[in-house]
Amino acid sequence: MKRKKIVGLLIAFVAAMAALINGYLLFFRNNSQKEVSTNTSQESSSSSSSTTAASSTRSDSSSSDLKDGTYTGASTSTKWGDVQVQITVKSGKITAIDVLKSPDTENKSIMINEEALPTYKSEALAAQSAEIDQVSGATETYNGFTGSLQSAITQAETGTSTS
């Protein structure tokens, strides 16, 4: 009887420690990713300042190469369905992103996309690229969105539309 109590307490202790370690890593891992993201954006902003000083012909590395027009990205398959976006470029900048297709066969997919897609759209507009943060729980939508978005951006860089 005493042995069972000791084993039970030992298992409970190990489970509690695992939960604490997981929470610790999750908290600090997210913070360190934010710090890396912040440092990267600070580095890119300082490097773009030096690039601008060295060459005044380029003001923004991602959007200055975009040709005005409407570009439809390739339909990108995900585990839950296809995602396809269309971008509008004016004055060399992405001004609108429309989601043409997203997974909509299951209620869970619809719920996730209703929350994640507006976030992805606003982040992509702010970043003027497909390099955006992922929403937790929306990995497949992220993969499809960024894949189709990058396809549309590549078309805008060359000025050729595949639609």
N, C-alpha and C. Protein backbone atom coordinates (compact mmCIF):
# COMPACT_ATOMS: atom_id res chain seq x y z
N MET A 1 0.82 -1.19 0.00
CA MET A 1 0.00 0.00 0.00
C MET A 1 0.87 1.26 0.00
N LYS A 2 1.89 1.26 0.83
CA LYS A 2 2.79 2.40 0.90
C LYS A 2 3.55 2.58 -0.42
N ARG A 3 3.90 1.48 -1.05
CA ARG A 3 4.63 1.51 -2.32
C ARG A 3 3.75 2.16 -3.40
N LYS A 4 2.46 1.84 -3.42
CA LYS A 4 1.55 2.43 -4.40
C LYS A 4 1.44 3.94 -4.21
N LYS A 5 1.41 4.40 -2.97
CA LYS A 5 1.36 5.83 -2.70
C LYS A 5 2.61 6.53 -3.19
N ILE A 6 3.76 5.92 -2.94
CA ILE A 6 5.03 6.51 -3.37
C ILE A 6 5.09 6.57 -4.90
N VAL A 7 4.70 5.50 -5.57
CA VAL A 7 4.70 5.47 -7.03
C VAL A 7 3.72 6.52 -7.56
N GLY A 8 2.54 6.61 -6.97
CA GLY A 8 1.54 7.59 -7.39
C GLY A 8 2.05 9.01 -7.21
N LEU A 9 2.67 9.29 -6.08
CA LEU A 9 3.24 10.62 -5.84
C LEU A 9 4.37 10.92 -6.81
N LEU A 10 5.19 9.92 -7.10
CA LEU A 10 6.30 10.09 -8.04
C LEU A 10 5.77 10.41 -9.43
N ILE A 11 4.74 9.71 -9.86
CA ILE A 11 4.15 9.96 -11.18
C ILE A 11 3.53 11.36 -11.22
N ALA A 12 2.83 11.72 -10.15
CA ALA A 12 2.22 13.05 -10.08
C ALA A 12 3.30 14.14 -10.11
N PHE A 13 4.40 13.92 -9.42
CA PHE A 13 5.51 14.87 -9.39
C PHE A 13 6.12 15.02 -10.79
N VAL A 14 6.36 13.91 -11.47
CA VAL A 14 6.95 13.94 -12.82
C VAL A 14 6.00 14.66 -13.78
N ALA A 15 4.71 14.39 -13.69
CA ALA A 15 3.73 15.05 -14.55
C ALA A 15 3.70 16.56 -14.29
N ALA A 16 3.74 16.94 -13.03
CA ALA A 16 3.75 18.37 -12.68
C ALA A 16 5.01 19.05 -13.19
N MET A 17 6.14 18.41 -13.06
CA MET A 17 7.40 18.97 -13.55
C MET A 17 7.37 19.12 -15.07
N ALA A 18 6.83 18.11 -15.76
CA ALA A 18 6.74 18.17 -17.22
C ALA A 18 5.85 19.34 -17.64
N ALA A 19 4.73 19.53 -16.94
CA ALA A 19 3.83 20.64 -17.25
C ALA A 19 4.52 21.98 -17.00
N LEU A 20 5.26 22.09 -15.92
CA LEU A 20 5.98 23.33 -15.62
C LEU A 20 7.05 23.63 -16.67
N ILE A 21 7.79 22.62 -17.04
CA ILE A 21 8.84 22.80 -18.05
C ILE A 21 8.22 23.19 -19.39
N ASN A 22 7.13 22.52 -19.75
CA ASN A 22 6.45 22.84 -21.00
C ASN A 22 5.96 24.29 -21.00
N GLY A 23 5.34 24.72 -19.92
CA GLY A 23 4.89 26.10 -19.80
C GLY A 23 6.04 27.09 -19.85
N TYR A 24 7.12 26.78 -19.18
CA TYR A 24 8.30 27.63 -19.18
C TYR A 24 8.86 27.77 -20.59
N LEU A 25 9.03 26.64 -21.29
CA LEU A 25 9.56 26.67 -22.64
C LEU A 25 8.62 27.40 -23.59
N LEU A 26 7.34 27.17 -23.45
CA LEU A 26 6.37 27.83 -24.31
C LEU A 26 6.42 29.33 -24.11
N PHE A 27 6.46 29.78 -22.86
CA PHE A 27 6.51 31.21 -22.58
C PHE A 27 7.78 31.85 -23.11
N PHE A 28 8.93 31.28 -22.77
CA PHE A 28 10.19 31.89 -23.17
C PHE A 28 10.50 31.67 -24.64
N ARG A 29 10.02 30.57 -25.21
CA ARG A 29 10.22 30.34 -26.64
C ARG A 29 9.46 31.40 -27.44
N ASN A 30 8.21 31.70 -27.06
CA ASN A 30 7.44 32.74 -27.74
C ASN A 30 8.10 34.10 -27.59
N ASN A 31 8.59 34.40 -26.39
CA ASN A 31 9.26 35.68 -26.18
C ASN A 31 10.54 35.78 -26.99
N SER A 32 11.32 34.71 -27.06
CA SER A 32 12.56 34.78 -27.82
C SER A 32 12.28 34.89 -29.30
N GLN A 33 11.18 34.28 -29.80
CA GLN A 33 10.82 34.43 -31.21
C GLN A 33 10.42 35.88 -31.48
N LYS A 34 9.68 36.51 -30.55
CA LYS A 34 9.31 37.90 -30.72
C LYS A 34 10.55 38.78 -30.72
N GLU A 35 11.50 38.47 -29.82
CA GLU A 35 12.73 39.24 -29.77
C GLU A 35 13.51 39.08 -31.06
N VAL A 36 13.59 37.86 -31.58
CA VAL A 36 14.29 37.62 -32.85
C VAL A 36 13.59 38.39 -33.95
N SER A 37 12.25 38.35 -33.97
CA SER A 37 11.48 39.08 -34.98
C SER A 37 11.73 40.58 -34.85
N THR A 38 11.74 41.09 -33.62
CA THR A 38 12.00 42.50 -33.40
C THR A 38 13.41 42.86 -33.83
N ASN A 39 14.39 42.03 -33.44
CA ASN A 39 15.76 42.28 -33.83
C ASN A 39 15.92 42.22 -35.34
N THR A 40 15.26 41.26 -35.99
CA THR A 40 15.36 41.14 -37.43
C THR A 40 14.77 42.36 -38.11
N SER A 41 13.61 42.84 -37.62
CA SER A 41 13.02 44.01 -38.25
C SER A 41 13.86 45.26 -37.99
N GLN A 42 14.50 45.33 -36.80
CA GLN A 42 15.39 46.46 -36.54
C GLN A 42 16.61 46.40 -37.44
N GLU A 43 17.17 45.18 -37.61
CA GLU A 43 18.32 45.03 -38.49
C GLU A 43 17.95 45.35 -39.92
N SER A 44 16.78 44.88 -40.38
CA SER A 44 16.39 45.13 -41.75
C SER A 44 16.10 46.61 -41.95
N SER A 45 15.55 47.27 -40.92
CA SER A 45 15.29 48.69 -41.07
C SER A 45 16.61 49.47 -41.11
N SER A 46 17.59 49.06 -40.30
CA SER A 46 18.87 49.77 -40.36
C SER A 46 19.62 49.43 -41.64
N SER A 47 19.49 48.19 -42.13
CA SER A 47 20.16 47.86 -43.37
C SER A 47 19.47 48.52 -44.55
N SER A 48 18.13 48.70 -44.49
CA SER A 48 17.46 49.38 -45.58
C SER A 48 17.80 50.86 -45.56
N SER A 49 18.08 51.41 -44.36
CA SER A 49 18.52 52.80 -44.29
C SER A 49 19.86 52.96 -44.96
N SER A 50 20.78 52.02 -44.70
CA SER A 50 22.09 52.12 -45.34
C SER A 50 21.99 51.84 -46.83
N THR A 51 21.09 50.96 -47.22
CA THR A 51 20.89 50.69 -48.64
C THR A 51 20.33 51.92 -49.32
N THR A 52 19.38 52.60 -48.66
CA THR A 52 18.80 53.81 -49.22
C THR A 52 19.87 54.89 -49.36
N ALA A 53 20.74 54.98 -48.38
CA ALA A 53 21.81 55.97 -48.45
C ALA A 53 22.75 55.65 -49.61
N ALA A 54 23.03 54.37 -49.80
CA ALA A 54 23.96 53.97 -50.85
C ALA A 54 23.31 54.05 -52.22
N SER A 55 22.04 53.74 -52.30
CA SER A 55 21.37 53.73 -53.59
C SER A 55 19.98 54.32 -53.43
N SER A 56 19.76 55.51 -53.91
CA SER A 56 18.48 56.18 -53.71
C SER A 56 17.41 55.70 -54.67
N THR A 57 17.73 54.75 -55.53
CA THR A 57 16.73 54.28 -56.48
C THR A 57 15.79 53.26 -55.87
N ARG A 58 16.16 52.67 -54.74
CA ARG A 58 15.30 51.66 -54.09
C ARG A 58 14.87 52.16 -52.74
N SER A 59 13.56 52.34 -52.56
CA SER A 59 13.07 52.78 -51.26
C SER A 59 12.58 51.63 -50.41
N ASP A 60 12.02 50.59 -51.01
CA ASP A 60 11.52 49.45 -50.27
C ASP A 60 11.83 48.20 -51.07
N SER A 61 12.59 47.29 -50.47
CA SER A 61 13.08 46.14 -51.22
C SER A 61 11.98 45.22 -51.71
N SER A 62 10.85 45.10 -50.98
CA SER A 62 9.84 44.14 -51.41
C SER A 62 8.82 44.75 -52.35
N SER A 63 8.33 45.95 -52.07
CA SER A 63 7.22 46.46 -52.86
C SER A 63 7.65 47.30 -54.05
N SER A 64 8.87 47.81 -54.09
CA SER A 64 9.26 48.67 -55.20
C SER A 64 9.36 47.89 -56.50
N ASP A 65 9.50 46.58 -56.43
CA ASP A 65 9.62 45.77 -57.62
C ASP A 65 8.27 45.30 -58.15
N LEU A 66 7.18 45.63 -57.49
CA LEU A 66 5.87 45.13 -57.89
C LEU A 66 5.26 46.01 -58.97
N LYS A 67 4.71 45.35 -59.99
CA LYS A 67 4.05 46.05 -61.09
C LYS A 67 2.56 46.18 -60.74
N ASP A 68 1.99 47.35 -61.05
CA ASP A 68 0.58 47.58 -60.75
C ASP A 68 -0.30 46.58 -61.50
N GLY A 69 -1.38 46.17 -60.84
CA GLY A 69 -2.32 45.24 -61.46
C GLY A 69 -2.94 44.33 -60.42
N THR A 70 -3.69 43.36 -60.90
CA THR A 70 -4.33 42.36 -60.04
C THR A 70 -3.74 41.01 -60.39
N TYR A 71 -3.29 40.28 -59.37
CA TYR A 71 -2.60 39.01 -59.59
C TYR A 71 -3.23 37.93 -58.71
N THR A 72 -3.52 36.80 -59.32
CA THR A 72 -4.13 35.69 -58.61
C THR A 72 -3.06 34.64 -58.35
N GLY A 73 -2.83 34.34 -57.09
CA GLY A 73 -1.84 33.33 -56.72
C GLY A 73 -2.32 31.94 -57.07
N ALA A 74 -1.39 31.03 -57.15
CA ALA A 74 -1.72 29.63 -57.41
C ALA A 74 -2.56 29.09 -56.27
N SER A 75 -3.49 28.22 -56.59
CA SER A 75 -4.28 27.56 -55.56
C SER A 75 -3.35 26.60 -54.83
N THR A 76 -3.23 26.77 -53.52
CA THR A 76 -2.30 25.98 -52.72
C THR A 76 -3.09 24.96 -51.90
N SER A 77 -2.78 23.69 -52.11
CA SER A 77 -3.48 22.62 -51.40
C SER A 77 -2.98 22.48 -49.98
N THR A 78 -3.92 22.27 -49.07
CA THR A 78 -3.60 21.99 -47.67
C THR A 78 -4.32 20.72 -47.26
N LYS A 79 -4.05 20.28 -46.08
CA LYS A 79 -4.69 19.08 -45.55
C LYS A 79 -6.21 19.19 -45.53
N TRP A 80 -6.73 20.41 -45.32
CA TRP A 80 -8.18 20.61 -45.16
C TRP A 80 -8.85 21.21 -46.38
N GLY A 81 -8.07 21.59 -47.39
CA GLY A 81 -8.65 22.17 -48.61
C GLY A 81 -7.71 23.19 -49.22
N ASP A 82 -8.11 23.70 -50.38
CA ASP A 82 -7.27 24.64 -51.11
C ASP A 82 -7.43 26.07 -50.57
N VAL A 83 -6.34 26.84 -50.71
CA VAL A 83 -6.36 28.26 -50.37
C VAL A 83 -5.83 29.00 -51.59
N GLN A 84 -6.52 30.07 -51.97
CA GLN A 84 -6.08 30.89 -53.09
C GLN A 84 -6.38 32.34 -52.79
N VAL A 85 -5.41 33.21 -53.07
CA VAL A 85 -5.59 34.63 -52.84
C VAL A 85 -5.34 35.42 -54.11
N GLN A 86 -5.86 36.63 -54.12
CA GLN A 86 -5.64 37.56 -55.22
C GLN A 86 -5.19 38.88 -54.60
N ILE A 87 -4.15 39.48 -55.18
CA ILE A 87 -3.65 40.75 -54.66
C ILE A 87 -3.88 41.85 -55.69
N THR A 88 -4.03 43.05 -55.18
CA THR A 88 -4.10 44.24 -56.02
C THR A 88 -2.90 45.10 -55.67
N VAL A 89 -2.17 45.50 -56.70
CA VAL A 89 -0.97 46.32 -56.51
C VAL A 89 -1.21 47.68 -57.16
N LYS A 90 -1.00 48.74 -56.39
CA LYS A 90 -1.09 50.11 -56.90
C LYS A 90 0.14 50.86 -56.42
N SER A 91 0.74 51.61 -57.31
CA SER A 91 1.96 52.39 -57.00
C SER A 91 3.04 51.51 -56.39
N GLY A 92 3.13 50.27 -56.87
CA GLY A 92 4.18 49.37 -56.41
C GLY A 92 3.94 48.75 -55.05
N LYS A 93 2.77 48.95 -54.47
CA LYS A 93 2.46 48.40 -53.14
C LYS A 93 1.21 47.53 -53.21
N ILE A 94 1.20 46.49 -52.37
CA ILE A 94 0.01 45.66 -52.26
C ILE A 94 -1.03 46.47 -51.49
N THR A 95 -2.16 46.72 -52.13
CA THR A 95 -3.20 47.54 -51.49
C THR A 95 -4.40 46.71 -51.04
N ALA A 96 -4.55 45.50 -51.60
CA ALA A 96 -5.68 44.65 -51.20
C ALA A 96 -5.31 43.19 -51.39
N ILE A 97 -5.83 42.36 -50.50
CA ILE A 97 -5.67 40.91 -50.61
C ILE A 97 -7.06 40.31 -50.44
N ASP A 98 -7.49 39.59 -51.45
CA ASP A 98 -8.80 38.92 -51.40
C ASP A 98 -8.57 37.42 -51.36
N VAL A 99 -9.26 36.75 -50.46
CA VAL A 99 -9.18 35.29 -50.36
C VAL A 99 -10.26 34.73 -51.27
N LEU A 100 -9.84 34.06 -52.33
CA LEU A 100 -10.78 33.49 -53.29
C LEU A 100 -11.26 32.11 -52.86
N LYS A 101 -10.37 31.34 -52.24
CA LYS A 101 -10.71 29.98 -51.78
C LYS A 101 -10.08 29.77 -50.43
N SER A 102 -10.82 29.07 -49.56
CA SER A 102 -10.26 28.62 -48.28
C SER A 102 -11.04 27.39 -47.85
N PRO A 103 -10.45 26.56 -47.00
CA PRO A 103 -11.16 25.36 -46.56
C PRO A 103 -12.50 25.71 -45.92
N ASP A 104 -13.58 25.12 -46.44
CA ASP A 104 -14.91 25.46 -45.94
C ASP A 104 -15.85 24.26 -45.86
N THR A 105 -15.27 23.07 -45.76
CA THR A 105 -16.12 21.87 -45.71
C THR A 105 -16.45 21.43 -44.29
N GLU A 106 -15.70 21.91 -43.32
CA GLU A 106 -15.95 21.54 -41.92
C GLU A 106 -16.11 22.79 -41.08
N ASN A 107 -16.99 22.71 -40.09
CA ASN A 107 -17.24 23.87 -39.22
C ASN A 107 -15.97 24.37 -38.55
N LYS A 108 -15.09 23.45 -38.15
CA LYS A 108 -13.85 23.85 -37.48
C LYS A 108 -12.98 24.66 -38.43
N SER A 109 -12.88 24.23 -39.69
CA SER A 109 -12.09 24.97 -40.68
C SER A 109 -12.67 26.37 -40.90
N ILE A 110 -13.97 26.44 -40.99
CA ILE A 110 -14.62 27.74 -41.19
C ILE A 110 -14.34 28.66 -40.02
N MET A 111 -14.45 28.14 -38.80
CA MET A 111 -14.21 28.93 -37.60
C MET A 111 -12.75 29.42 -37.55
N ILE A 112 -11.82 28.52 -37.83
CA ILE A 112 -10.40 28.90 -37.82
C ILE A 112 -10.12 29.97 -38.86
N ASN A 113 -10.65 29.78 -40.07
CA ASN A 113 -10.39 30.73 -41.15
C ASN A 113 -11.02 32.09 -40.91
N GLU A 114 -12.19 32.11 -40.26
CA GLU A 114 -12.82 33.39 -39.94
C GLU A 114 -11.95 34.22 -39.01
N GLU A 115 -11.18 33.54 -38.18
CA GLU A 115 -10.30 34.25 -37.25
C GLU A 115 -8.92 34.51 -37.86
N ALA A 116 -8.36 33.51 -38.53
CA ALA A 116 -6.97 33.61 -38.99
C ALA A 116 -6.80 34.44 -40.26
N LEU A 117 -7.70 34.29 -41.23
CA LEU A 117 -7.49 34.96 -42.52
C LEU A 117 -7.46 36.49 -42.43
N PRO A 118 -8.34 37.14 -41.66
CA PRO A 118 -8.21 38.60 -41.53
C PRO A 118 -6.86 39.01 -40.92
N THR A 119 -6.37 38.22 -39.98
CA THR A 119 -5.06 38.50 -39.38
C THR A 119 -3.96 38.35 -40.41
N TYR A 120 -4.00 37.25 -41.16
CA TYR A 120 -2.98 37.04 -42.20
C TYR A 120 -3.02 38.15 -43.25
N LYS A 121 -4.22 38.57 -43.63
CA LYS A 121 -4.34 39.63 -44.64
C LYS A 121 -3.74 40.94 -44.13
N SER A 122 -4.09 41.33 -42.90
CA SER A 122 -3.58 42.61 -42.39
C SER A 122 -2.07 42.56 -42.17
N GLU A 123 -1.55 41.42 -41.71
CA GLU A 123 -0.10 41.31 -41.53
C GLU A 123 0.63 41.36 -42.87
N ALA A 124 0.08 40.70 -43.87
CA ALA A 124 0.71 40.70 -45.19
C ALA A 124 0.68 42.09 -45.81
N LEU A 125 -0.42 42.82 -45.62
CA LEU A 125 -0.48 44.19 -46.13
C LEU A 125 0.55 45.08 -45.43
N ALA A 126 0.70 44.89 -44.13
CA ALA A 126 1.68 45.68 -43.38
C ALA A 126 3.11 45.31 -43.77
N ALA A 127 3.36 44.01 -43.95
CA ALA A 127 4.70 43.54 -44.29
C ALA A 127 5.02 43.71 -45.76
N GLN A 128 3.99 43.82 -46.60
CA GLN A 128 4.16 43.88 -48.04
C GLN A 128 4.93 42.65 -48.56
N SER A 129 4.67 41.52 -47.90
CA SER A 129 5.31 40.27 -48.29
C SER A 129 4.53 39.10 -47.70
N ALA A 130 4.99 37.90 -48.03
CA ALA A 130 4.37 36.68 -47.48
C ALA A 130 5.06 36.25 -46.19
N GLU A 131 6.02 37.03 -45.73
CA GLU A 131 6.74 36.71 -44.50
C GLU A 131 5.98 37.31 -43.32
N ILE A 132 5.03 36.50 -42.80
CA ILE A 132 4.16 36.95 -41.72
C ILE A 132 4.17 35.92 -40.60
N ASP A 133 3.68 36.33 -39.42
CA ASP A 133 3.59 35.42 -38.29
C ASP A 133 2.42 34.47 -38.46
N GLN A 134 2.56 33.30 -37.89
CA GLN A 134 1.52 32.27 -37.96
C GLN A 134 0.59 32.39 -36.77
N VAL A 135 -0.70 32.23 -37.02
CA VAL A 135 -1.70 32.21 -35.96
C VAL A 135 -1.74 30.80 -35.39
N SER A 136 -1.68 30.68 -34.07
CA SER A 136 -1.71 29.38 -33.43
C SER A 136 -3.00 28.64 -33.77
N GLY A 137 -2.86 27.40 -34.18
CA GLY A 137 -4.02 26.58 -34.52
C GLY A 137 -4.46 26.69 -35.97
N ALA A 138 -3.77 27.51 -36.74
CA ALA A 138 -4.16 27.72 -38.15
C ALA A 138 -2.98 27.45 -39.08
N THR A 139 -2.24 26.40 -38.80
CA THR A 139 -1.04 26.10 -39.56
C THR A 139 -1.34 25.81 -41.03
N GLU A 140 -2.34 24.99 -41.28
CA GLU A 140 -2.65 24.64 -42.67
C GLU A 140 -3.11 25.87 -43.45
N THR A 141 -3.93 26.70 -42.83
CA THR A 141 -4.37 27.93 -43.49
C THR A 141 -3.18 28.84 -43.75
N TYR A 142 -2.26 28.93 -42.80
CA TYR A 142 -1.05 29.72 -42.96
C TYR A 142 -0.25 29.24 -44.16
N ASN A 143 -0.03 27.92 -44.23
CA ASN A 143 0.74 27.36 -45.34
C ASN A 143 0.09 27.65 -46.68
N GLY A 144 -1.22 27.47 -46.75
CA GLY A 144 -1.94 27.75 -47.99
C GLY A 144 -1.95 29.23 -48.34
N PHE A 145 -2.20 30.08 -47.34
CA PHE A 145 -2.27 31.53 -47.56
C PHE A 145 -0.92 32.07 -48.03
N THR A 146 0.14 31.73 -47.31
CA THR A 146 1.46 32.27 -47.67
C THR A 146 1.95 31.69 -48.99
N GLY A 147 1.60 30.44 -49.27
CA GLY A 147 2.00 29.84 -50.55
C GLY A 147 1.35 30.54 -51.72
N SER A 148 0.04 30.75 -51.64
CA SER A 148 -0.68 31.43 -52.72
C SER A 148 -0.27 32.90 -52.80
N LEU A 149 -0.08 33.54 -51.65
CA LEU A 149 0.34 34.94 -51.64
C LEU A 149 1.71 35.11 -52.30
N GLN A 150 2.65 34.23 -51.98
CA GLN A 150 3.97 34.33 -52.58
C GLN A 150 3.89 34.15 -54.09
N SER A 151 3.02 33.25 -54.54
CA SER A 151 2.81 33.05 -55.97
C SER A 151 2.31 34.34 -56.63
N ALA A 152 1.36 35.01 -56.00
CA ALA A 152 0.83 36.26 -56.54
C ALA A 152 1.90 37.36 -56.52
N ILE A 153 2.69 37.42 -55.47
CA ILE A 153 3.76 38.44 -55.37
C ILE A 153 4.80 38.19 -56.46
N THR A 154 5.15 36.94 -56.70
CA THR A 154 6.12 36.62 -57.75
C THR A 154 5.60 37.08 -59.11
N GLN A 155 4.30 36.89 -59.36
CA GLN A 155 3.71 37.36 -60.61
C GLN A 155 3.79 38.89 -60.69
N ALA A 156 3.53 39.57 -59.57
CA ALA A 156 3.55 41.02 -59.55
C ALA A 156 4.96 41.55 -59.78
N GLU A 157 5.96 40.80 -59.35
CA GLU A 157 7.34 41.24 -59.58
C GLU A 157 7.70 41.19 -61.06
N THR A 158 7.17 40.20 -61.76
CA THR A 158 7.47 40.07 -63.18
C THR A 158 6.44 40.77 -64.05
N GLY A 159 5.30 41.11 -63.47
CA GLY A 159 4.25 41.77 -64.22
C GLY A 159 3.45 40.82 -65.09
N THR A 160 3.56 39.51 -64.82
CA THR A 160 2.82 38.53 -65.61
C THR A 160 1.80 37.84 -64.71
N SER A 161 0.61 37.71 -65.21
CA SER A 161 -0.45 37.06 -64.45
C SER A 161 -0.76 35.72 -65.08
N THR A 162 -0.94 34.71 -64.23
CA THR A 162 -1.25 33.38 -64.76
C THR A 162 -2.74 33.12 -64.76
N SER A 163 -3.54 34.11 -64.31
CA SER A 163 -4.99 33.90 -64.27
C SER A 163 -5.64 34.28 -65.57
